[in-house]
């Protein structure tokens, strides 16, 4: 089992990178975006580790983060607040995503803007 039951692990980051590399090598597929665990609280350390591994392997894949829902006890856009306070996390994330937002708006006071209805492009 990848990560010995811990989804947010360095082993999982390597597994994702392996998948992206093999999609290209075996099938000629360039995957432009990857995310983390859907509708779960994000782990900033994992997001930064995933970015580190992607960069180390020279993979141009963007990180989309972090489709959460308020049922986890966290605000739907708390990733924007975390990125505002953590420049390394901000540099790791390319797009903030939420499946539950259906209108264009500014995300908190973070300077991020939503685009295409549901994605906040990190500027």
Protein backbone atom coordinates (compact mmCIF):
# COMPACT_ATOMS: atom_id res chain seq x y z
CA UNK A 1 0.00 0.00 0.00
CA UNK A 2 1.41 3.36 -1.06
CA UNK A 3 2.35 5.47 1.98
CA UNK A 4 1.42 2.62 4.36
CA UNK A 5 -2.10 4.01 4.62
CA UNK A 6 -1.01 7.65 4.75
CA UNK A 7 -2.22 9.23 1.54
CA UNK A 8 -0.24 12.42 2.13
CA UNK A 9 3.23 10.89 2.05
CA UNK A 10 6.46 11.36 0.10
CA UNK A 11 5.84 7.90 -1.34
CA UNK A 12 2.49 9.09 -2.77
CA UNK A 13 4.18 12.14 -4.31
CA UNK A 14 6.65 9.81 -6.04
CA UNK A 15 3.78 7.52 -7.12
CA UNK A 16 1.97 10.47 -8.75
CA UNK A 17 5.18 11.51 -10.54
CA UNK A 18 5.72 7.91 -11.70
CA UNK A 19 2.19 7.85 -13.10
CA UNK A 20 2.72 11.14 -14.96
CA UNK A 21 6.04 9.94 -16.39
CA UNK A 22 4.59 6.61 -17.50
CA UNK A 23 1.54 8.22 -19.09
CA UNK A 24 3.97 10.14 -21.29
CA UNK A 25 6.38 7.25 -21.98
CA UNK A 26 3.82 4.51 -22.55
CA UNK A 27 0.95 6.41 -24.21
CA UNK A 28 2.33 9.80 -25.28
CA UNK A 29 -0.05 11.60 -22.91
CA UNK A 30 1.07 14.89 -21.40
CA UNK A 31 -0.95 15.53 -18.25
CA UNK A 32 -1.11 19.25 -17.59
CA UNK A 33 -2.73 19.20 -14.13
CA UNK A 34 -2.72 16.97 -11.08
CA UNK A 35 -4.48 17.43 -7.79
CA UNK A 36 -4.55 15.99 -4.32
CA UNK A 37 -7.17 13.99 -2.44
CA UNK A 38 -10.63 15.07 -3.60
CA UNK A 39 -12.90 16.71 -1.02
CA UNK A 40 -10.54 16.19 1.90
CA UNK A 41 -8.58 18.62 4.03
CA UNK A 42 -5.33 19.42 2.28
CA UNK A 43 -1.92 18.82 3.79
CA UNK A 44 0.42 21.74 3.02
CA UNK A 45 3.54 19.62 3.56
CA UNK A 46 2.30 17.09 1.00
CA UNK A 47 1.46 19.77 -1.57
CA UNK A 48 4.96 21.21 -1.20
CA UNK A 49 6.50 17.72 -1.43
CA UNK A 50 4.51 16.96 -4.58
CA UNK A 51 5.77 20.21 -6.14
CA UNK A 52 9.34 19.35 -5.12
CA UNK A 53 9.12 15.89 -6.72
CA UNK A 54 7.53 17.22 -9.92
CA UNK A 55 10.25 19.86 -10.21
CA UNK A 56 13.00 17.35 -9.42
CA UNK A 57 11.79 15.16 -12.28
CA UNK A 58 11.35 18.14 -14.62
CA UNK A 59 7.64 17.48 -15.02
CA UNK A 60 5.73 20.57 -16.18
CA UNK A 61 2.50 19.37 -14.56
CA UNK A 62 0.56 22.03 -12.63
CA UNK A 63 -0.87 21.41 -9.18
CA UNK A 64 -4.57 22.07 -8.68
CA UNK A 65 -5.49 22.36 -5.04
CA UNK A 66 -7.66 21.72 -3.01
CA UNK A 67 -11.25 20.73 -3.61
CA UNK A 68 -12.69 20.73 -0.12
CA UNK A 69 -16.13 21.15 1.25
CA UNK A 70 -17.29 22.84 4.44
CA UNK A 71 -18.32 19.48 5.90
CA UNK A 72 -14.69 18.89 6.86
CA UNK A 73 -14.98 21.76 9.35
CA UNK A 74 -12.84 24.06 7.25
CA UNK A 75 -13.84 26.85 4.93
CA UNK A 76 -14.11 25.92 1.32
CA UNK A 77 -11.37 28.41 0.38
CA UNK A 78 -9.05 28.02 3.39
CA UNK A 79 -6.28 27.02 0.97
CA UNK A 80 -6.20 30.67 -0.16
CA UNK A 81 -5.60 31.80 3.42
CA UNK A 82 -2.87 29.18 3.89
CA UNK A 83 -1.19 30.24 0.66
CA UNK A 84 -1.37 33.88 1.69
CA UNK A 85 0.58 33.00 4.85
CA UNK A 86 3.01 30.51 3.27
CA UNK A 87 4.96 31.67 0.20
CA UNK A 88 6.37 28.17 -0.42
CA UNK A 89 2.85 26.73 -0.52
CA UNK A 90 1.74 29.58 -2.79
CA UNK A 91 4.60 28.80 -5.18
CA UNK A 92 3.63 25.11 -5.18
CA UNK A 93 -0.01 25.63 -6.21
CA UNK A 94 -0.94 26.76 -9.71
CA UNK A 95 -4.74 26.71 -9.49
CA UNK A 96 -7.17 26.65 -6.56
CA UNK A 97 -10.21 24.54 -7.36
CA UNK A 98 -13.61 24.05 -5.82
CA UNK A 99 -16.41 22.05 -7.37
CA UNK A 100 -18.93 23.78 -5.15
CA UNK A 101 -18.42 27.36 -6.31
CA UNK A 102 -20.37 28.39 -9.36
CA UNK A 103 -19.77 32.11 -9.68
CA UNK A 104 -16.89 34.43 -10.40
CA UNK A 105 -15.56 36.16 -7.28
CA UNK A 106 -12.45 37.27 -5.49
CA UNK A 107 -11.19 34.73 -2.98
CA UNK A 108 -11.03 36.39 0.44
CA UNK A 109 -8.49 39.18 0.48
CA UNK A 110 -5.76 36.93 -0.85
CA UNK A 111 -5.29 38.50 -4.27
CA UNK A 112 -6.38 35.29 -6.03
CA UNK A 113 -9.20 35.53 -8.52
CA UNK A 114 -11.65 32.94 -9.69
CA UNK A 115 -11.84 32.13 -13.36
CA UNK A 116 -14.06 29.91 -15.48
CA UNK A 117 -16.60 29.81 -12.66
CA UNK A 118 -14.80 27.52 -10.27
CA UNK A 119 -11.03 27.86 -10.41
CA UNK A 120 -8.92 30.51 -8.75
CA UNK A 121 -5.82 31.21 -10.78
CA UNK A 122 -2.82 31.99 -8.60
CA UNK A 123 -1.32 35.30 -9.69
